[in-house]
Amino acid sequence: MKAVSLFLALALATPMITAAKEKKEKPQDARTTIAASPEAIKAYFLRLFVPYGYSIDSDTTAQLQVSRPMTWTETMRWETDNWITGNPSQCRRSHTLLFLPGANGTDVTMRWETICQQPRGGVFRVVNSQKKEIEHLSKDLGTAKESLESQKSGQEATQ
């Protein structure tokens, strides 16, 4: 009887332990090191985001945050995909880049969030950290790294 109880306890606990471990190991942000100054990286991403309606929310030496309002259609699709109820209004797509200058370049961390106002007041944030979204952010960072480092090597060659 004890063996059966122990077996059932292990069988029930294993999926919870596995799920907790996977959640703990899941990456939240995309990261890379770019051989460029934070100012050059900010300028690159502003050229990338501004044509799509993004505006600057925060610009400090350590961070750049840009966002744009979501359309009604985007908001409704996002609400359905994320099982959000309560008809959020004034949702924004927000991208945050964090900079940490180092000896070999600037460590850049990129996060993508959806920020919504609730109709009755209050704000909620959802960090978009699904695997495909992290891959998309990593691809953007990789493209930035390639572009900025090739510009830098081109400038050094002409000097």
N, C-alpha and C. Protein backbone atom coordinates (compact mmCIF):
# COMPACT_ATOMS: atom_id res chain seq x y z
N MET A 1 0.82 -1.20 0.00
CA MET A 1 0.00 0.00 0.00
C MET A 1 0.86 1.25 0.00
N LYS A 2 1.94 1.24 0.84
CA LYS A 2 2.84 2.38 0.87
C LYS A 2 3.49 2.60 -0.48
N ALA A 3 3.84 1.52 -1.17
CA ALA A 3 4.50 1.62 -2.47
C ALA A 3 3.56 2.26 -3.50
N VAL A 4 2.30 1.90 -3.46
CA VAL A 4 1.32 2.46 -4.38
C VAL A 4 1.14 3.95 -4.11
N SER A 5 1.06 4.34 -2.84
CA SER A 5 0.92 5.75 -2.46
C SER A 5 2.13 6.55 -2.90
N LEU A 6 3.32 6.00 -2.70
CA LEU A 6 4.55 6.67 -3.11
C LEU A 6 4.59 6.82 -4.62
N PHE A 7 4.21 5.78 -5.34
CA PHE A 7 4.19 5.83 -6.80
C PHE A 7 3.22 6.91 -7.29
N LEU A 8 2.03 6.98 -6.71
CA LEU A 8 1.05 7.99 -7.09
C LEU A 8 1.55 9.39 -6.79
N ALA A 9 2.18 9.57 -5.64
CA ALA A 9 2.72 10.88 -5.27
C ALA A 9 3.78 11.32 -6.26
N LEU A 10 4.68 10.43 -6.63
CA LEU A 10 5.72 10.75 -7.61
C LEU A 10 5.12 11.03 -8.99
N ALA A 11 4.16 10.21 -9.39
CA ALA A 11 3.53 10.39 -10.70
C ALA A 11 2.81 11.74 -10.79
N LEU A 12 2.19 12.17 -9.71
CA LEU A 12 1.49 13.45 -9.70
C LEU A 12 2.45 14.63 -9.60
N ALA A 13 3.54 14.47 -8.87
CA ALA A 13 4.48 15.57 -8.64
C ALA A 13 5.41 15.81 -9.82
N THR A 14 5.73 14.77 -10.59
CA THR A 14 6.70 14.92 -11.68
C THR A 14 6.30 15.98 -12.69
N PRO A 15 5.07 16.03 -13.20
CA PRO A 15 4.72 17.09 -14.16
C PRO A 15 4.84 18.49 -13.57
N MET A 16 4.50 18.64 -12.28
CA MET A 16 4.59 19.96 -11.65
C MET A 16 6.06 20.39 -11.51
N ILE A 17 6.91 19.45 -11.14
CA ILE A 17 8.34 19.77 -11.01
C ILE A 17 8.92 20.12 -12.38
N THR A 18 8.57 19.35 -13.40
CA THR A 18 9.06 19.61 -14.76
C THR A 18 8.58 20.97 -15.24
N ALA A 19 7.31 21.28 -15.02
CA ALA A 19 6.77 22.58 -15.46
C ALA A 19 7.46 23.72 -14.73
N ALA A 20 7.69 23.57 -13.44
CA ALA A 20 8.37 24.62 -12.67
C ALA A 20 9.80 24.81 -13.17
N LYS A 21 10.47 23.71 -13.47
CA LYS A 21 11.85 23.78 -13.96
C LYS A 21 11.88 24.47 -15.32
N GLU A 22 10.96 24.11 -16.23
CA GLU A 22 10.91 24.74 -17.55
C GLU A 22 10.62 26.23 -17.43
N LYS A 23 9.70 26.59 -16.53
CA LYS A 23 9.36 28.00 -16.35
C LYS A 23 10.57 28.77 -15.82
N LYS A 24 11.29 28.16 -14.89
CA LYS A 24 12.46 28.81 -14.31
C LYS A 24 13.54 29.02 -15.36
N GLU A 25 13.73 28.07 -16.27
CA GLU A 25 14.79 28.13 -17.26
C GLU A 25 14.40 28.93 -18.50
N LYS A 26 13.15 29.31 -18.62
CA LYS A 26 12.68 30.02 -19.80
C LYS A 26 13.29 31.42 -19.86
N PRO A 27 13.94 31.78 -20.99
CA PRO A 27 14.54 33.11 -21.08
C PRO A 27 13.47 34.19 -21.14
N GLN A 28 13.74 35.32 -20.51
CA GLN A 28 12.80 36.43 -20.49
C GLN A 28 13.18 37.53 -21.47
N ASP A 29 14.46 37.61 -21.82
CA ASP A 29 14.94 38.70 -22.65
C ASP A 29 15.93 38.16 -23.67
N ALA A 30 16.14 38.95 -24.72
CA ALA A 30 17.18 38.65 -25.69
C ALA A 30 18.42 39.47 -25.31
N ARG A 31 19.60 38.86 -25.43
CA ARG A 31 20.84 39.55 -25.03
C ARG A 31 21.94 39.30 -26.05
N THR A 32 22.82 40.32 -26.20
CA THR A 32 24.03 40.17 -27.00
C THR A 32 24.99 41.28 -26.63
N THR A 33 26.23 41.16 -27.10
CA THR A 33 27.22 42.21 -26.93
C THR A 33 27.52 42.79 -28.30
N ILE A 34 27.44 44.10 -28.42
CA ILE A 34 27.67 44.78 -29.69
C ILE A 34 28.88 45.70 -29.52
N ALA A 35 29.82 45.63 -30.45
CA ALA A 35 31.03 46.46 -30.41
C ALA A 35 30.69 47.85 -30.93
N ALA A 36 29.90 48.57 -30.15
CA ALA A 36 29.49 49.94 -30.50
C ALA A 36 29.08 50.64 -29.21
N SER A 37 29.01 51.95 -29.28
CA SER A 37 28.61 52.72 -28.10
C SER A 37 27.09 52.64 -27.91
N PRO A 38 26.61 52.86 -26.68
CA PRO A 38 25.16 52.88 -26.47
C PRO A 38 24.46 53.92 -27.36
N GLU A 39 25.11 55.06 -27.61
CA GLU A 39 24.51 56.10 -28.46
C GLU A 39 24.31 55.60 -29.88
N ALA A 40 25.30 54.88 -30.43
CA ALA A 40 25.18 54.34 -31.79
C ALA A 40 24.07 53.28 -31.85
N ILE A 41 23.97 52.47 -30.80
CA ILE A 41 22.93 51.43 -30.75
C ILE A 41 21.55 52.07 -30.67
N LYS A 42 21.42 53.11 -29.83
CA LYS A 42 20.14 53.82 -29.71
C LYS A 42 19.74 54.42 -31.06
N ALA A 43 20.69 55.06 -31.73
CA ALA A 43 20.40 55.68 -33.03
C ALA A 43 19.93 54.62 -34.04
N TYR A 44 20.58 53.47 -34.03
CA TYR A 44 20.18 52.39 -34.95
C TYR A 44 18.73 51.97 -34.68
N PHE A 45 18.40 51.71 -33.41
CA PHE A 45 17.05 51.23 -33.10
C PHE A 45 15.99 52.32 -33.29
N LEU A 46 16.34 53.56 -33.08
CA LEU A 46 15.37 54.64 -33.36
C LEU A 46 15.07 54.70 -34.86
N ARG A 47 16.10 54.52 -35.70
CA ARG A 47 15.87 54.47 -37.15
C ARG A 47 14.99 53.29 -37.52
N LEU A 48 15.07 52.23 -36.75
CA LEU A 48 14.28 51.03 -37.00
C LEU A 48 12.82 51.21 -36.55
N PHE A 49 12.60 51.80 -35.37
CA PHE A 49 11.27 51.85 -34.77
C PHE A 49 10.43 53.07 -35.16
N VAL A 50 11.03 54.24 -35.28
CA VAL A 50 10.27 55.48 -35.51
C VAL A 50 9.38 55.42 -36.76
N PRO A 51 9.85 54.87 -37.90
CA PRO A 51 8.96 54.82 -39.07
C PRO A 51 7.67 54.00 -38.85
N TYR A 52 7.66 53.15 -37.83
CA TYR A 52 6.48 52.33 -37.54
C TYR A 52 5.61 52.93 -36.45
N GLY A 53 5.80 54.20 -36.15
CA GLY A 53 4.93 54.89 -35.20
C GLY A 53 5.38 54.85 -33.76
N TYR A 54 6.58 54.36 -33.49
CA TYR A 54 7.08 54.32 -32.12
C TYR A 54 7.59 55.70 -31.70
N SER A 55 7.40 56.02 -30.43
CA SER A 55 7.93 57.27 -29.87
C SER A 55 8.73 56.92 -28.63
N ILE A 56 9.60 57.84 -28.23
CA ILE A 56 10.47 57.59 -27.07
C ILE A 56 9.69 57.81 -25.78
N ASP A 57 9.73 56.80 -24.91
CA ASP A 57 9.13 56.91 -23.58
C ASP A 57 10.20 57.26 -22.55
N SER A 58 11.39 56.70 -22.73
CA SER A 58 12.48 56.92 -21.79
C SER A 58 13.80 56.80 -22.54
N ASP A 59 14.68 57.77 -22.32
CA ASP A 59 16.00 57.75 -22.96
C ASP A 59 17.02 58.21 -21.93
N THR A 60 17.72 57.24 -21.32
CA THR A 60 18.78 57.54 -20.36
C THR A 60 20.06 56.89 -20.86
N THR A 61 21.14 57.07 -20.13
CA THR A 61 22.40 56.46 -20.56
C THR A 61 22.33 54.94 -20.50
N ALA A 62 21.49 54.39 -19.64
CA ALA A 62 21.42 52.94 -19.46
C ALA A 62 20.22 52.29 -20.14
N GLN A 63 19.30 53.08 -20.71
CA GLN A 63 18.06 52.49 -21.23
C GLN A 63 17.45 53.35 -22.33
N LEU A 64 16.84 52.65 -23.28
CA LEU A 64 15.99 53.31 -24.28
C LEU A 64 14.68 52.53 -24.30
N GLN A 65 13.57 53.24 -24.08
CA GLN A 65 12.26 52.60 -24.15
C GLN A 65 11.42 53.35 -25.16
N VAL A 66 10.91 52.60 -26.15
CA VAL A 66 10.03 53.17 -27.16
C VAL A 66 8.73 52.39 -27.16
N SER A 67 7.64 53.06 -27.55
CA SER A 67 6.36 52.35 -27.63
C SER A 67 5.49 53.00 -28.69
N ARG A 68 4.45 52.27 -29.07
CA ARG A 68 3.46 52.80 -30.00
C ARG A 68 2.09 52.28 -29.58
N PRO A 69 1.05 53.07 -29.86
CA PRO A 69 -0.29 52.59 -29.54
C PRO A 69 -0.67 51.41 -30.45
N MET A 70 -1.39 50.47 -29.89
CA MET A 70 -1.90 49.35 -30.69
C MET A 70 -3.22 49.77 -31.32
N THR A 71 -3.49 49.26 -32.50
CA THR A 71 -4.78 49.52 -33.13
C THR A 71 -5.86 48.71 -32.39
N TRP A 72 -7.11 49.04 -32.65
CA TRP A 72 -8.21 48.31 -32.02
C TRP A 72 -8.13 46.84 -32.40
N THR A 73 -7.84 46.55 -33.67
CA THR A 73 -7.75 45.16 -34.14
C THR A 73 -6.62 44.42 -33.44
N GLU A 74 -5.47 45.06 -33.32
CA GLU A 74 -4.34 44.43 -32.61
C GLU A 74 -4.71 44.16 -31.15
N THR A 75 -5.38 45.11 -30.52
CA THR A 75 -5.76 44.95 -29.12
C THR A 75 -6.71 43.78 -28.95
N MET A 76 -7.71 43.67 -29.81
CA MET A 76 -8.68 42.57 -29.70
C MET A 76 -8.01 41.22 -29.98
N ARG A 77 -7.11 41.17 -30.97
CA ARG A 77 -6.40 39.92 -31.28
C ARG A 77 -5.50 39.54 -30.10
N TRP A 78 -4.81 40.53 -29.54
CA TRP A 78 -3.91 40.28 -28.40
C TRP A 78 -4.72 39.80 -27.19
N GLU A 79 -5.87 40.43 -26.96
CA GLU A 79 -6.73 40.04 -25.84
C GLU A 79 -7.18 38.59 -25.99
N THR A 80 -7.57 38.21 -27.19
CA THR A 80 -8.03 36.84 -27.45
C THR A 80 -6.88 35.85 -27.30
N ASP A 81 -5.71 36.17 -27.87
CA ASP A 81 -4.55 35.28 -27.80
C ASP A 81 -4.07 35.06 -26.37
N ASN A 82 -4.23 36.07 -25.51
CA ASN A 82 -3.71 36.00 -24.14
C ASN A 82 -4.79 35.78 -23.10
N TRP A 83 -6.00 35.52 -23.51
CA TRP A 83 -7.11 35.25 -22.62
C TRP A 83 -7.31 36.37 -21.61
N ILE A 84 -7.22 37.60 -22.08
CA ILE A 84 -7.41 38.76 -21.21
C ILE A 84 -8.88 39.16 -21.31
N THR A 85 -9.50 39.42 -20.17
CA THR A 85 -10.89 39.87 -20.17
C THR A 85 -10.95 41.27 -19.60
N GLY A 86 -12.03 41.94 -19.82
CA GLY A 86 -12.22 43.27 -19.27
C GLY A 86 -11.98 44.37 -20.29
N ASN A 87 -11.86 44.00 -21.56
CA ASN A 87 -11.68 44.97 -22.63
C ASN A 87 -10.66 46.06 -22.30
N PRO A 88 -9.37 45.70 -22.31
CA PRO A 88 -8.37 46.72 -22.03
C PRO A 88 -8.40 47.80 -23.11
N SER A 89 -8.08 49.00 -22.71
CA SER A 89 -8.03 50.09 -23.68
C SER A 89 -6.65 50.72 -23.60
N GLN A 90 -6.33 51.51 -24.59
CA GLN A 90 -5.07 52.21 -24.63
C GLN A 90 -3.88 51.27 -24.44
N CYS A 91 -3.84 50.20 -25.22
CA CYS A 91 -2.71 49.28 -25.16
C CYS A 91 -1.57 49.81 -26.02
N ARG A 92 -0.34 49.54 -25.57
CA ARG A 92 0.85 49.98 -26.28
C ARG A 92 1.83 48.82 -26.40
N ARG A 93 2.52 48.75 -27.54
CA ARG A 93 3.64 47.83 -27.72
C ARG A 93 4.88 48.58 -27.25
N SER A 94 5.62 48.00 -26.34
CA SER A 94 6.78 48.68 -25.78
C SER A 94 8.03 47.82 -25.95
N HIS A 95 9.09 48.43 -26.43
CA HIS A 95 10.40 47.77 -26.54
C HIS A 95 11.36 48.52 -25.63
N THR A 96 12.05 47.78 -24.79
CA THR A 96 13.04 48.37 -23.89
C THR A 96 14.40 47.76 -24.18
N LEU A 97 15.38 48.64 -24.36
CA LEU A 97 16.77 48.21 -24.53
C LEU A 97 17.56 48.69 -23.33
N LEU A 98 18.26 47.77 -22.69
CA LEU A 98 19.10 48.09 -21.54
C LEU A 98 20.56 47.98 -21.97
N PHE A 99 21.37 48.95 -21.59
CA PHE A 99 22.77 49.01 -22.01
C PHE A 99 23.70 48.90 -20.82
N LEU A 100 24.75 48.08 -20.98
CA LEU A 100 25.78 47.95 -19.98
C LEU A 100 27.13 47.98 -20.71
N PRO A 101 27.78 49.16 -20.77
CA PRO A 101 29.06 49.25 -21.47
C PRO A 101 30.11 48.36 -20.81
N GLY A 102 30.91 47.70 -21.65
CA GLY A 102 31.97 46.83 -21.16
C GLY A 102 33.24 47.03 -21.97
N ALA A 103 34.26 46.23 -21.67
CA ALA A 103 35.55 46.35 -22.34
C ALA A 103 35.48 45.97 -23.82
N ASN A 104 34.64 44.99 -24.16
CA ASN A 104 34.56 44.50 -25.54
C ASN A 104 33.36 45.03 -26.30
N GLY A 105 32.68 46.02 -25.77
CA GLY A 105 31.50 46.55 -26.43
C GLY A 105 30.42 46.83 -25.40
N THR A 106 29.21 46.91 -25.88
CA THR A 106 28.07 47.19 -25.01
C THR A 106 27.18 45.96 -24.93
N ASP A 107 26.92 45.49 -23.71
CA ASP A 107 25.96 44.40 -23.53
C ASP A 107 24.57 45.01 -23.68
N VAL A 108 23.77 44.42 -24.55
CA VAL A 108 22.43 44.94 -24.83
C VAL A 108 21.40 43.87 -24.49
N THR A 109 20.42 44.25 -23.70
CA THR A 109 19.30 43.38 -23.37
C THR A 109 18.06 44.03 -23.95
N MET A 110 17.22 43.23 -24.61
CA MET A 110 16.02 43.76 -25.25
C MET A 110 14.80 43.02 -24.72
N ARG A 111 13.78 43.79 -24.36
CA ARG A 111 12.53 43.23 -23.84
C ARG A 111 11.37 43.83 -24.62
N TRP A 112 10.34 43.01 -24.84
CA TRP A 112 9.14 43.46 -25.55
C TRP A 112 7.96 43.23 -24.62
N GLU A 113 7.21 44.29 -24.33
CA GLU A 113 6.06 44.20 -23.44
C GLU A 113 4.81 44.77 -24.12
N THR A 114 3.69 44.33 -23.62
CA THR A 114 2.42 44.95 -23.97
C THR A 114 1.88 45.58 -22.70
N ILE A 115 1.58 46.87 -22.77
CA ILE A 115 1.13 47.62 -21.60
C ILE A 115 -0.28 48.14 -21.89
N CYS A 116 -1.23 47.85 -21.02
CA CYS A 116 -2.62 48.26 -21.24
C CYS A 116 -3.20 48.96 -20.02
N GLN A 117 -4.06 49.92 -20.28
CA GLN A 117 -4.85 50.58 -19.24
C GLN A 117 -6.14 49.78 -19.08
N GLN A 118 -6.57 49.57 -17.87
CA GLN A 118 -7.86 48.93 -17.62
C GLN A 118 -8.95 49.99 -17.64
N PRO A 119 -10.15 49.68 -18.15
CA PRO A 119 -11.22 50.67 -18.20
C PRO A 119 -11.58 51.27 -16.85
N ARG A 120 -11.46 50.49 -15.79
CA ARG A 120 -11.81 50.98 -14.45
C ARG A 120 -10.58 51.54 -13.70
N GLY A 121 -9.50 51.74 -14.43
CA GLY A 121 -8.28 52.24 -13.80
C GLY A 121 -7.27 51.12 -13.62
N GLY A 122 -6.06 51.48 -13.50
CA GLY A 122 -5.00 50.50 -13.32
C GLY A 122 -4.32 50.17 -14.64
N VAL A 123 -3.12 49.66 -14.52
CA VAL A 123 -2.31 49.31 -15.67
C VAL A 123 -1.82 47.89 -15.48
N PHE A 124 -1.74 47.14 -16.57
CA PHE A 124 -1.08 45.83 -16.47
C PHE A 124 -0.10 45.68 -17.62
N ARG A 125 0.98 44.96 -17.30
CA ARG A 125 2.06 44.72 -18.26
C ARG A 125 2.18 43.23 -18.49
N VAL A 126 2.40 42.85 -19.73
CA VAL A 126 2.68 41.46 -20.06
C VAL A 126 3.98 41.43 -20.83
N VAL A 127 5.00 40.78 -20.25
CA VAL A 127 6.27 40.63 -20.95
C VAL A 127 6.09 39.52 -21.98
N ASN A 128 6.36 39.85 -23.23
CA ASN A 128 6.22 38.88 -24.30
C ASN A 128 7.47 38.01 -24.32
N SER A 129 7.40 36.86 -23.65
CA SER A 129 8.58 36.03 -23.47
C SER A 129 8.41 34.61 -24.01
N GLN A 130 7.52 34.46 -24.98
CA GLN A 130 7.40 33.16 -25.61
C GLN A 130 8.62 32.93 -26.49
N LYS A 131 8.93 31.69 -26.75
CA LYS A 131 10.14 31.33 -27.49
C LYS A 131 10.23 32.06 -28.82
N LYS A 132 9.13 32.11 -29.59
CA LYS A 132 9.17 32.76 -30.91
C LYS A 132 9.43 34.26 -30.78
N GLU A 133 8.93 34.88 -29.72
CA GLU A 133 9.15 36.32 -29.52
C GLU A 133 10.59 36.61 -29.13
N ILE A 134 11.17 35.75 -28.27
CA ILE A 134 12.57 35.89 -27.89
C ILE A 134 13.45 35.69 -29.12
N GLU A 135 13.10 34.73 -29.96
CA GLU A 135 13.87 34.50 -31.20
C GLU A 135 13.79 35.73 -32.11
N HIS A 136 12.62 36.34 -32.20
CA HIS A 136 12.45 37.54 -33.03
C HIS A 136 13.32 38.68 -32.50
N LEU A 137 13.32 38.90 -31.19
CA LEU A 137 14.15 39.94 -30.59
C LEU A 137 15.63 39.63 -30.79
N SER A 138 16.01 38.37 -30.64
CA SER A 138 17.40 37.97 -30.85
C SER A 138 17.83 38.22 -32.29
N LYS A 139 16.93 37.98 -33.22
CA LYS A 139 17.23 38.24 -34.63
C LYS A 139 17.44 39.74 -34.85
N ASP A 140 16.58 40.58 -34.25
CA ASP A 140 16.75 42.04 -34.35
C ASP A 140 18.09 42.48 -33.78
N LEU A 141 18.46 41.92 -32.63
CA LEU A 141 19.74 42.27 -32.02
C LEU A 141 20.91 41.79 -32.89
N GLY A 142 20.78 40.61 -33.47
CA GLY A 142 21.83 40.08 -34.35
C GLY A 142 22.02 40.96 -35.59
N THR A 143 20.91 41.42 -36.17
CA THR A 143 20.97 42.30 -37.33
C THR A 143 21.63 43.63 -36.95
N ALA A 144 21.28 44.16 -35.77
CA ALA A 144 21.88 45.41 -35.30
C ALA A 144 23.38 45.23 -35.09
N LYS A 145 23.75 44.13 -34.48
CA LYS A 145 25.16 43.85 -34.22
C LYS A 145 25.94 43.79 -35.53
N GLU A 146 25.42 43.04 -36.48
CA GLU A 146 26.08 42.90 -37.79
C GLU A 146 26.22 44.25 -38.48
N SER A 147 25.17 45.02 -38.49
CA SER A 147 25.17 46.32 -39.16
C SER A 147 26.13 47.30 -38.49
N LEU A 148 26.03 47.43 -37.18
CA LEU A 148 26.86 48.40 -36.45
C LEU A 148 28.34 48.02 -36.48
N GLU A 149 28.63 46.73 -36.35
CA GLU A 149 30.03 46.31 -36.36
C GLU A 149 30.64 46.41 -37.76
N SER A 150 29.84 46.19 -38.80
CA SER A 150 30.37 46.36 -40.16
C SER A 150 30.59 47.84 -40.46
N GLN A 151 29.73 48.71 -39.95
CA GLN A 151 29.93 50.16 -40.11
C GLN A 151 31.22 50.58 -39.41
N LYS A 152 31.43 50.06 -38.22
CA LYS A 152 32.61 50.42 -37.45
C LYS A 152 33.88 49.95 -38.15
N SER A 153 33.88 48.72 -38.68
CA SER A 153 35.07 48.22 -39.36
C SER A 153 35.30 48.97 -40.68
N GLY A 154 34.21 49.40 -41.33
CA GLY A 154 34.34 50.22 -42.56
C GLY A 154 34.94 51.58 -42.27
N GLN A 155 34.55 52.16 -41.15
CA GLN A 155 35.11 53.47 -40.76
C GLN A 155 36.58 53.35 -40.39
N GLU A 156 36.94 52.25 -39.71
CA GLU A 156 38.34 52.05 -39.33
C GLU A 156 39.21 51.83 -40.56
N ALA A 157 38.68 51.18 -41.59
CA ALA A 157 39.43 50.92 -42.82
C ALA A 157 39.71 52.20 -43.60
N THR A 158 38.81 53.17 -43.53
CA THR A 158 38.99 54.43 -44.27
C THR A 158 39.92 55.39 -43.55
N GLN A 159 40.21 55.14 -42.29
CA GLN A 159 41.07 56.08 -41.54
C GLN A 159 42.51 55.81 -41.75
